[in-house]
Amino acid sequence: MKTDNPGLPGRLAALPRRIRDAWRHLEPARLFSLSFLGLVTLGAVGFRVLPGLYTGRPLSWVDSFFTSASAVCVTGLTVVDTATYFTPLGQAYVLLLIQMGGLGIITFATWIMLTLGQRMSLRQADLSLDSGISTRVEPAELIRDVLRFTFVIEAVGAAILWLLFLPDHGPGAAAWHAVFHAVSAFCNAGFSTFSTSLVGHATHPAVLLVVAALIVVGGLGFLTMSELRLSAVAHRRLRLASGAIDLPPRPPRLSVHSRVVLATSGALIVAGAALYLLLEWPVALDGLSFPDRLANALFMSVTARTAGFNSVDYGAASDGGNFLTLLLMMVGGSPGSTAGGIKTTTFALIVLVALARLRGRDTVEVAGRTVPERTVQRAVGLLVLVFFVLTVSVFLLSAVEIGAVPHGTSRASFLAVLFEAVSALNTVGLSMGITADLSTTGRWITMLLMFVGRVGPMTFAASLARTSRSRHDVRLAEQDVLIG
């Protein structure tokens, strides 16, 4: 007698087809998040099963997930000392996770597909665009440029750092320190092979400036760097073709996006350095020479926006300096980069919206152009969303890590918890020294913040960018609400 029940073998045979169908129906933003979640899980399993990673006992499962999340999400918060807890092989494994997380697993997967000679489908192109790379450049070409640009910049940075580390560490050790810090700085990760990060190099301005330059380049975004390169190449060809080789170079023609990125980044770096000099001159920068104070103030201004290296002890910094660090951490880097935060363009649009409203204008204008209202609304929505997530996370961490104690005894602890939450959510990696003392629950909350910070702004922006698919666009009657 025949039966329509396929039985267990039939159901197992149909499983791959169901998985493929589910894969095809996943939205790009969700698929991007799942790819990072899978890489974090794979990294944690590697910390548990791979041999030769540790100088002593291996990491626990919780610490394995924490370290993997911090590396993949290019945050830099650590519960163990990377310099002493891991062997060179273990440090190389951490560096691999940083590199893959910095560029994005989707970028790597697409690059591998392209090297095999396959064409990029519309779905894969959409996925690469939703990963925050660009919406104005051919995805396949841009991904190749991303990889070439990344490895060239990291190689140049490593070569310069090797020369700077050579007198103190010798050829072999200097080479490893240089490669590790070049990759970690460009990916804005903040992991270091020195136990005190770059505190030991506070009196070596050249090291701080090279690392700061790598952080800035990695945080500008691939679209902006690509536009700068293409503008310079086009202008050089024009000068050669016209024979005006001695003609002074004109400013490159950049998009409004790149102009906002460069102007905002430059203003934040300069203003941050000036404020750090003012606030930390008699505190964290005390005892340094004037050139060293300038270099450290500039470095603090750069690294606070998602890099995570430190040349001073933030636990010994002033409250004003730490609050400035909180503000810079919230802004972060630029879209399409390895940095976190709400991004420089979001910060710039929020400021421009406020100025426009104060002047009684309904539109936001930048460089002679009007910014679309939907973009302004996404920027405001993203800021509100990040503020909500941060508020909830600080509340939970305070309840878990501080508990029910009087305010007089918890003031310093609360600042440290707030600092930790902002650092994790914006993938910065700076800490006031409480990361290793977090409870198990606190570590899981911090891990979630790092993950949301790495994929959240991009995926939420992609979700907000989608228009409604409803066939009938119905607008209800208006009724005003008093505000302010």
Protein backbone atom coordinates (compact mmCIF):
# COMPACT_ATOMS: atom_id res chain seq x y z
CA MET A 1 0.00 0.00 0.00
CA LYS A 2 1.39 3.38 -1.04
CA THR A 3 1.77 6.22 1.40
CA ASP A 4 2.43 9.92 0.91
CA ASN A 5 4.60 10.04 4.03
CA PRO A 6 8.22 10.32 2.77
CA GLY A 7 9.59 9.11 6.09
CA LEU A 8 12.80 10.22 7.77
CA PRO A 9 15.11 9.62 4.75
CA GLY A 10 12.85 11.75 2.55
CA ARG A 11 12.71 14.56 5.08
CA LEU A 12 16.51 14.52 5.44
CA ALA A 13 16.92 14.65 1.68
CA ALA A 14 14.64 17.68 1.48
CA LEU A 15 16.56 19.51 4.23
CA PRO A 16 19.29 20.99 1.96
CA ARG A 17 16.61 22.37 -0.36
CA ARG A 18 14.80 23.98 2.57
CA ILE A 19 18.04 25.53 3.77
CA ARG A 20 18.71 26.91 0.31
CA ASP A 21 15.19 28.36 0.15
CA ALA A 22 15.58 29.96 3.56
CA TRP A 23 18.95 31.41 2.47
CA ARG A 24 17.42 32.92 -0.66
CA HIS A 25 14.65 34.62 1.32
CA LEU A 26 16.94 36.19 3.93
CA GLU A 27 17.15 39.95 3.66
CA PRO A 28 20.70 41.29 3.07
CA ALA A 29 20.82 43.16 6.39
CA ARG A 30 19.81 40.04 8.31
CA LEU A 31 22.24 37.89 6.35
CA PHE A 32 25.02 40.37 7.12
CA SER A 33 24.27 40.12 10.86
CA LEU A 34 24.14 36.33 10.75
CA SER A 35 27.49 36.21 8.97
CA PHE A 36 29.13 38.15 11.82
CA LEU A 37 27.37 36.03 14.42
CA GLY A 38 28.67 32.91 12.68
CA LEU A 39 32.20 34.30 12.57
CA VAL A 40 32.07 35.16 16.30
CA THR A 41 30.87 31.63 17.09
CA LEU A 42 33.51 30.06 14.85
CA GLY A 43 36.20 32.19 16.48
CA ALA A 44 35.07 31.16 19.97
CA VAL A 45 35.14 27.48 19.03
CA GLY A 46 38.64 28.00 17.65
CA PHE A 47 39.80 29.44 20.96
CA ARG A 48 38.59 26.25 22.64
CA VAL A 49 39.79 23.55 20.25
CA LEU A 50 42.88 24.86 18.45
CA PRO A 51 46.18 23.81 20.05
CA GLY A 52 49.13 26.05 20.86
CA LEU A 53 47.20 29.30 21.40
CA TYR A 54 47.98 29.85 25.09
CA THR A 55 50.98 30.18 27.35
CA GLY A 56 48.93 28.72 30.23
CA ARG A 57 45.40 27.45 30.72
CA PRO A 58 42.95 27.99 27.84
CA LEU A 59 40.11 30.48 27.88
CA SER A 60 36.75 29.46 29.28
CA TRP A 61 33.75 29.34 26.95
CA VAL A 62 32.52 32.74 28.15
CA ASP A 63 35.94 34.35 27.74
CA SER A 64 36.37 32.63 24.36
CA PHE A 65 33.14 34.19 23.11
CA PHE A 66 34.10 37.56 24.64
CA THR A 67 37.54 37.61 23.01
CA SER A 68 36.15 36.41 19.68
CA ALA A 69 33.38 39.03 19.73
CA SER A 70 35.85 41.77 20.64
CA ALA A 71 38.19 40.77 17.79
CA VAL A 72 35.54 40.19 15.11
CA CYS A 73 33.68 43.37 16.11
CA VAL A 74 37.06 45.21 16.11
CA THR A 75 36.43 46.57 19.59
CA GLY A 76 39.56 45.79 21.61
CA LEU A 77 38.07 45.15 25.05
CA THR A 78 39.98 42.26 26.63
CA VAL A 79 39.53 40.07 29.69
CA VAL A 80 43.10 38.74 29.41
CA ASP A 81 46.44 40.28 28.46
CA THR A 82 46.94 39.62 24.75
CA ALA A 83 50.70 40.12 25.09
CA THR A 84 51.27 37.45 27.76
CA TYR A 85 48.23 35.16 27.73
CA PHE A 86 48.56 34.12 24.07
CA THR A 87 51.46 32.54 22.24
CA PRO A 88 52.55 34.07 18.91
CA LEU A 89 50.19 31.55 17.25
CA GLY A 90 47.37 32.69 19.52
CA GLN A 91 48.10 36.33 18.73
CA ALA A 92 48.07 35.47 15.01
CA TYR A 93 44.65 33.86 15.48
CA VAL A 94 43.36 37.02 17.17
CA LEU A 95 44.82 39.08 14.31
CA LEU A 96 43.05 36.87 11.74
CA LEU A 97 39.70 37.49 13.45
CA ILE A 98 40.42 41.22 13.54
CA GLN A 99 41.22 41.33 9.83
CA MET A 100 38.14 39.33 8.84
CA GLY A 101 35.90 41.36 11.12
CA GLY A 102 37.36 44.66 9.96
CA LEU A 103 36.81 44.05 6.30
CA GLY A 104 33.63 42.07 6.83
CA ILE A 105 33.07 38.41 6.15
CA ILE A 106 30.75 39.31 3.26
CA THR A 107 33.56 41.21 1.54
CA PHE A 108 35.87 38.22 1.89
CA ALA A 109 33.24 35.76 0.65
CA THR A 110 32.42 37.94 -2.38
CA TRP A 111 36.11 38.43 -3.16
CA ILE A 112 36.70 34.66 -3.13
CA MET A 113 33.77 34.20 -5.50
CA LEU A 114 35.12 36.87 -7.85
CA THR A 115 38.61 35.36 -7.90
CA LEU A 116 37.05 32.11 -9.11
CA GLY A 117 35.74 33.99 -12.14
CA GLN A 118 32.06 33.98 -11.18
CA ARG A 119 29.74 36.91 -11.69
CA MET A 120 28.09 38.74 -8.84
CA SER A 121 24.34 38.26 -8.66
CA LEU A 122 21.93 41.12 -7.94
CA ARG A 123 21.32 39.70 -4.46
CA GLN A 124 25.03 39.56 -3.70
CA ALA A 125 25.50 43.09 -4.99
CA ASP A 126 22.65 44.28 -2.78
CA LEU A 127 24.23 42.49 0.16
CA SER A 128 27.59 44.16 -0.38
CA LEU A 129 25.90 47.55 -0.59
CA ASP A 130 23.96 46.95 2.63
CA SER A 131 27.24 46.06 4.30
CA GLY A 132 27.98 49.78 4.30
CA ILE A 133 30.54 49.86 1.49
CA SER A 134 28.94 52.10 -1.10
CA THR A 135 25.83 52.66 -3.16
CA ARG A 136 27.47 54.60 -5.97
CA VAL A 137 30.25 52.33 -7.17
CA GLU A 138 30.17 48.97 -8.95
CA PRO A 139 30.25 46.47 -6.04
CA ALA A 140 32.60 43.95 -7.64
CA GLU A 141 35.15 46.59 -8.59
CA LEU A 142 34.88 48.29 -5.21
CA ILE A 143 35.45 45.08 -3.28
CA ARG A 144 38.66 44.46 -5.23
CA ASP A 145 39.71 48.04 -4.47
CA VAL A 146 38.89 47.54 -0.78
CA LEU A 147 41.17 44.53 -0.49
CA ARG A 148 44.02 46.08 -2.49
CA PHE A 149 43.79 49.34 -0.60
CA THR A 150 43.64 47.63 2.80
CA PHE A 151 46.62 45.37 2.31
CA VAL A 152 48.76 48.12 0.76
CA ILE A 153 48.06 50.58 3.59
CA GLU A 154 48.66 47.91 6.24
CA ALA A 155 51.91 46.89 4.57
CA VAL A 156 53.18 50.47 4.40
CA GLY A 157 52.20 51.10 8.02
CA ALA A 158 53.88 47.88 9.14
CA ALA A 159 57.10 48.79 7.33
CA ILE A 160 57.29 52.20 9.01
CA LEU A 161 56.45 50.77 12.44
CA TRP A 162 59.12 48.07 11.98
CA LEU A 163 61.75 50.77 11.54
CA LEU A 164 60.48 52.53 14.67
CA PHE A 165 60.31 49.35 16.79
CA LEU A 166 63.63 47.98 15.53
CA PRO A 167 66.00 49.71 18.01
CA ASP A 168 64.10 48.42 21.07
CA HIS A 169 62.94 44.95 19.98
CA GLY A 170 65.25 43.54 17.31
CA PRO A 171 64.32 42.52 13.74
CA GLY A 172 62.06 39.53 14.44
CA ALA A 173 60.05 40.87 17.39
CA ALA A 174 59.84 44.32 15.79
CA ALA A 175 58.38 42.80 12.62
CA TRP A 176 55.62 40.98 14.53
CA HIS A 177 54.76 44.00 16.68
CA ALA A 178 54.67 46.17 13.55
CA VAL A 179 52.39 43.85 11.55
CA PHE A 180 50.03 43.31 14.48
CA HIS A 181 49.68 47.01 15.29
CA ALA A 182 49.35 48.04 11.63
CA VAL A 183 46.43 45.65 11.06
CA SER A 184 44.85 46.40 14.44
CA ALA A 185 45.14 50.17 13.90
CA PHE A 186 43.80 50.17 10.35
CA CYS A 187 40.87 47.97 11.43
CA ASN A 188 40.32 50.29 14.42
CA ALA A 189 40.52 47.25 16.71
CA GLY A 190 42.77 48.45 19.53
CA PHE A 191 44.35 45.07 20.31
CA SER A 192 48.04 45.33 21.18
CA THR A 193 50.96 42.95 21.70
CA PHE A 194 52.17 45.25 24.50
CA SER A 195 50.68 44.69 27.95
CA THR A 196 50.10 48.41 28.48
CA SER A 197 48.97 49.10 24.90
CA LEU A 198 50.98 52.16 23.78
CA VAL A 199 51.54 53.69 27.22
CA GLY A 200 55.18 52.64 26.96
CA HIS A 201 55.45 54.71 23.76
CA ALA A 202 53.97 57.91 25.20
CA THR A 203 57.39 59.54 24.76
CA HIS A 204 57.78 58.25 21.17
CA PRO A 205 55.72 60.70 19.08
CA ALA A 206 56.64 59.02 15.79
CA VAL A 207 55.01 55.73 16.85
CA LEU A 208 51.88 57.51 18.06
CA LEU A 209 51.56 59.57 14.87
CA VAL A 210 51.98 56.55 12.56
CA VAL A 211 49.38 54.54 14.48
CA ALA A 212 47.08 57.59 14.51
CA ALA A 213 47.45 57.93 10.73
CA LEU A 214 46.48 54.28 10.23
CA ILE A 215 43.45 54.76 12.46
CA VAL A 216 42.33 57.85 10.54
CA VAL A 217 42.73 56.21 7.13
CA GLY A 218 40.87 53.10 8.29
CA GLY A 219 38.09 55.24 9.75
CA LEU A 220 37.47 57.55 6.78
CA GLY A 221 35.65 54.92 4.75
CA PHE A 222 36.57 53.17 1.52
CA LEU A 223 34.28 55.33 -0.62
CA THR A 224 35.96 58.55 0.50
CA MET A 225 39.46 57.14 0.06
CA SER A 226 38.52 55.80 -3.38
CA GLU A 227 37.17 59.21 -4.42
CA LEU A 228 40.34 60.91 -3.21
CA ARG A 229 42.50 58.52 -5.20
CA LEU A 230 40.39 58.74 -8.37
CA SER A 231 40.25 62.54 -8.19
CA ALA A 232 44.02 62.77 -7.81
CA VAL A 233 44.61 60.36 -10.72
CA ALA A 234 42.14 62.16 -13.00
CA HIS A 235 43.67 65.56 -12.24
CA ARG A 236 47.19 64.29 -12.86
CA ARG A 237 46.16 62.86 -16.24
CA LEU A 238 44.49 66.14 -17.16
CA ARG A 239 47.62 68.12 -16.30
CA LEU A 240 49.82 65.77 -18.33
CA ALA A 241 47.46 65.84 -21.31
CA SER A 242 47.33 69.64 -21.31
CA GLY A 243 51.05 69.99 -20.76
CA ALA A 244 50.49 72.12 -17.66
CA ILE A 245 52.69 70.02 -15.42
CA ASP A 246 53.73 73.03 -13.36
CA LEU A 247 50.13 74.14 -12.87
CA PRO A 248 49.22 74.24 -9.14
CA PRO A 249 46.90 71.34 -8.34
CA ARG A 250 43.25 72.25 -7.95
CA PRO A 251 41.09 70.86 -5.13
CA PRO A 252 39.66 67.50 -6.20
CA ARG A 253 35.99 67.33 -7.00
CA LEU A 254 34.47 65.21 -4.27
CA SER A 255 30.94 64.18 -3.50
CA VAL A 256 29.00 65.87 -0.71
CA HIS A 257 29.39 62.67 1.33
CA SER A 258 33.18 62.77 1.16
CA ARG A 259 33.27 66.49 1.88
CA VAL A 260 31.19 65.96 5.02
CA VAL A 261 33.39 63.04 6.09
CA LEU A 262 36.64 64.95 5.65
CA ALA A 263 35.41 68.20 7.19
CA THR A 264 33.81 66.52 10.21
CA SER A 265 36.75 64.19 10.81
CA GLY A 266 39.25 67.03 10.63
CA ALA A 267 37.21 69.27 12.93
CA LEU A 268 36.78 66.50 15.52
CA ILE A 269 40.48 65.64 15.51
CA VAL A 270 41.63 69.25 15.92
CA ALA A 271 38.97 70.20 18.48
CA GLY A 272 39.49 66.99 20.44
CA ALA A 273 43.26 67.48 20.61
CA ALA A 274 42.87 71.08 21.78
CA LEU A 275 40.39 70.09 24.49
CA TYR A 276 42.57 67.20 25.69
CA LEU A 277 45.50 69.60 26.00
CA LEU A 278 43.35 71.94 28.07
CA LEU A 279 41.79 69.27 30.29
CA GLU A 280 44.65 66.80 30.73
CA TRP A 281 47.67 69.13 30.77
CA PRO A 282 48.05 68.93 34.57
CA VAL A 283 46.57 65.41 34.87
CA ALA A 284 47.13 62.57 32.37
CA LEU A 285 49.71 64.55 30.35
CA ASP A 286 51.60 65.78 33.40
CA GLY A 287 55.33 65.06 33.32
CA LEU A 288 55.61 64.91 29.52
CA SER A 289 57.57 67.36 27.40
CA PHE A 290 55.65 69.85 25.25
CA PRO A 291 56.10 67.89 21.95
CA ASP A 292 55.05 64.67 23.73
CA ARG A 293 51.98 66.38 25.17
CA LEU A 294 50.99 67.57 21.69
CA ALA A 295 51.47 64.09 20.21
CA ASN A 296 49.56 62.37 23.02
CA ALA A 297 46.68 64.87 22.88
CA LEU A 298 46.38 64.33 19.13
CA PHE A 299 46.59 60.57 19.60
CA MET A 300 43.90 60.64 22.31
CA SER A 301 41.62 62.62 19.98
CA VAL A 302 42.07 60.08 17.19
CA THR A 303 41.96 56.83 19.15
CA ALA A 304 38.84 57.82 21.13
CA ARG A 305 36.77 57.53 17.96
CA THR A 306 36.66 53.69 17.88
CA ALA A 307 40.35 52.70 17.77
CA GLY A 308 40.89 51.72 21.41
CA PHE A 309 44.66 52.11 21.77
CA ASN A 310 45.74 54.18 24.75
CA SER A 311 48.95 56.05 25.48
CA VAL A 312 47.68 57.25 28.89
CA ASP A 313 45.80 55.62 31.74
CA TYR A 314 42.15 56.65 31.39
CA GLY A 315 41.53 55.54 34.95
CA ALA A 316 43.87 58.35 36.04
CA ALA A 317 42.46 60.95 33.62
CA SER A 318 40.23 63.83 34.69
CA ASP A 319 36.43 63.56 34.67
CA GLY A 320 36.32 66.26 32.00
CA GLY A 321 38.74 64.34 29.81
CA ASN A 322 36.80 61.10 30.26
CA PHE A 323 33.53 62.84 29.37
CA LEU A 324 35.17 64.23 26.22
CA THR A 325 36.25 60.67 25.42
CA LEU A 326 32.63 59.50 25.83
CA LEU A 327 31.45 62.12 23.34
CA LEU A 328 34.11 61.24 20.77
CA MET A 329 33.39 57.52 21.18
CA MET A 330 29.72 58.15 20.40
CA VAL A 331 30.57 59.84 17.09
CA GLY A 332 33.01 57.19 15.88
CA GLY A 333 34.29 56.95 12.32
CA SER A 334 32.68 57.25 8.89
CA PRO A 335 30.28 55.02 6.90
CA GLY A 336 31.82 52.15 4.99
CA SER A 337 34.88 52.05 7.24
CA THR A 338 36.19 49.69 9.90
CA ALA A 339 35.10 52.13 12.63
CA GLY A 340 31.97 52.11 14.77
CA GLY A 341 29.89 54.85 16.40
CA ILE A 342 26.93 56.72 14.97
CA LYS A 343 29.35 57.91 12.24
CA THR A 344 30.66 61.35 11.36
CA THR A 345 28.00 61.95 8.69
CA THR A 346 25.18 61.26 11.15
CA PHE A 347 26.75 63.63 13.67
CA ALA A 348 27.19 66.32 11.00
CA LEU A 349 23.59 65.99 9.81
CA ILE A 350 22.24 66.24 13.37
CA VAL A 351 24.21 69.47 13.91
CA LEU A 352 23.09 70.84 10.54
CA VAL A 353 19.45 69.98 11.30
CA ALA A 354 19.65 71.87 14.58
CA LEU A 355 21.21 74.91 12.86
CA ALA A 356 18.63 74.82 10.06
CA ARG A 357 15.72 74.67 12.51
CA LEU A 358 17.15 77.55 14.56
CA ARG A 359 17.29 79.60 11.37
CA GLY A 360 13.72 78.69 10.50
CA ARG A 361 14.63 76.54 7.49
CA ASP A 362 12.91 73.28 6.59
CA THR A 363 15.78 71.83 4.54
CA VAL A 364 19.37 70.94 5.31
CA GLU A 365 21.97 72.25 2.88
CA VAL A 366 25.59 71.10 2.50
CA ALA A 367 28.11 72.43 -0.02
CA GLY A 368 25.42 74.00 -2.17
CA ARG A 369 23.24 70.89 -2.16
CA THR A 370 20.07 69.92 -0.29
CA VAL A 371 20.20 66.73 1.74
CA PRO A 372 17.13 64.53 1.11
CA GLU A 373 14.61 64.60 3.95
CA ARG A 374 14.59 60.80 4.19
CA THR A 375 18.34 60.85 4.89
CA VAL A 376 17.86 63.43 7.63
CA GLN A 377 15.09 61.33 9.18
CA ARG A 378 17.29 58.21 9.12
CA ALA A 379 20.06 60.13 10.88
CA VAL A 380 17.68 61.30 13.61
CA GLY A 381 16.18 57.83 13.94
CA LEU A 382 19.60 56.23 14.22
CA LEU A 383 20.63 58.65 16.96
CA VAL A 384 17.45 57.94 18.94
CA LEU A 385 17.92 54.20 18.52
CA VAL A 386 21.56 54.28 19.68
CA PHE A 387 20.62 56.45 22.66
CA PHE A 388 17.87 53.99 23.63
CA VAL A 389 20.18 50.97 23.39
CA LEU A 390 22.85 52.76 25.39
CA THR A 391 20.38 53.80 28.10
CA VAL A 392 19.09 50.26 28.55
CA SER A 393 22.58 48.76 28.55
CA VAL A 394 23.93 51.23 31.14
CA PHE A 395 20.92 50.51 33.35
CA LEU A 396 21.49 46.74 33.12
CA LEU A 397 25.26 46.95 33.64
CA SER A 398 24.80 49.25 36.61
CA ALA A 399 22.32 46.87 38.20
CA VAL A 400 24.55 43.86 37.59
CA GLU A 401 28.00 45.29 38.30
CA ILE A 402 27.31 47.94 40.95
CA GLY A 403 24.16 46.68 42.65
CA ALA A 404 22.31 48.37 45.50
CA VAL A 405 24.96 50.61 47.08
CA PRO A 406 24.83 54.27 48.17
CA HIS A 407 25.54 56.90 45.54
CA GLY A 408 28.53 58.20 47.48
CA THR A 409 30.30 54.88 47.10
CA SER A 410 29.22 54.17 43.53
CA ARG A 411 30.08 57.43 41.73
CA ALA A 412 33.44 56.24 40.40
CA SER A 413 31.98 52.81 39.58
CA PHE A 414 29.12 54.33 37.62
CA LEU A 415 31.48 56.40 35.47
CA ALA A 416 33.53 53.28 34.75
CA VAL A 417 30.38 51.31 33.82
CA LEU A 418 29.13 54.13 31.59
CA PHE A 419 32.57 54.34 29.96
CA GLU A 420 32.57 50.56 29.37
CA ALA A 421 29.09 50.53 27.82
CA VAL A 422 29.78 53.44 25.47
CA SER A 423 33.11 51.89 24.50
CA ALA A 424 31.53 48.51 23.72
CA LEU A 425 28.51 49.85 21.81
CA ASN A 426 30.70 52.07 19.64
CA THR A 427 33.37 49.35 19.20
CA VAL A 428 36.10 51.52 20.72
CA GLY A 429 37.85 49.26 23.21
CA LEU A 430 38.97 51.91 25.69
CA SER A 431 38.33 51.06 29.32
CA MET A 432 38.83 52.43 32.82
CA GLY A 433 40.14 49.03 33.88
CA ILE A 434 36.98 47.09 34.77
CA THR A 435 36.70 44.73 31.78
CA ALA A 436 38.52 41.80 33.39
CA ASP A 437 36.43 42.24 36.58
CA LEU A 438 33.04 42.05 34.85
CA SER A 439 30.71 39.31 36.02
CA THR A 440 29.56 36.59 33.63
CA THR A 441 26.28 38.42 33.04
CA GLY A 442 28.14 41.69 32.55
CA ARG A 443 30.39 40.06 29.97
CA TRP A 444 27.42 38.76 27.99
CA ILE A 445 25.81 42.21 28.04
CA THR A 446 29.09 43.73 26.84
CA MET A 447 29.36 41.11 24.10
CA LEU A 448 25.86 41.95 22.89
CA LEU A 449 26.76 45.65 22.84
CA MET A 450 29.89 44.97 20.78
CA PHE A 451 27.88 42.92 18.29
CA VAL A 452 25.10 45.52 18.00
CA GLY A 453 27.71 48.23 17.62
CA ARG A 454 29.48 46.41 14.81
CA VAL A 455 26.46 45.45 12.70
CA GLY A 456 23.66 47.54 14.21
CA PRO A 457 24.16 50.98 12.66
CA MET A 458 24.58 49.51 9.18
CA THR A 459 21.73 47.01 9.36
CA PHE A 460 19.33 49.46 10.98
CA ALA A 461 20.22 52.11 8.39
CA ALA A 462 19.54 49.57 5.65
CA SER A 463 16.21 48.68 7.23
CA LEU A 464 15.19 52.31 7.59
CA ALA A 465 16.16 52.97 3.97
CA ARG A 466 13.58 50.50 2.67
CA THR A 467 10.29 52.03 1.64
CA SER A 468 6.99 50.42 2.40
CA ARG A 469 5.81 47.72 0.00
CA SER A 470 2.15 48.51 0.60
CA ARG A 471 0.13 49.03 -2.55
CA HIS A 472 -1.87 51.87 -1.05
CA ASP A 473 0.00 54.82 0.38
CA VAL A 474 -2.55 56.15 2.83
CA ARG A 475 -1.92 59.41 4.71
CA LEU A 476 -4.12 60.09 7.71
CA ALA A 477 -5.50 63.46 8.72
CA GLU A 478 -3.07 65.73 10.55
CA GLN A 479 -3.38 66.94 14.14
CA ASP A 480 -0.52 68.84 15.75
CA VAL A 481 1.22 68.01 19.03
CA LEU A 482 2.86 70.65 21.22
CA ILE A 483 6.58 70.13 21.87
CA GLY A 484 9.35 71.98 23.66
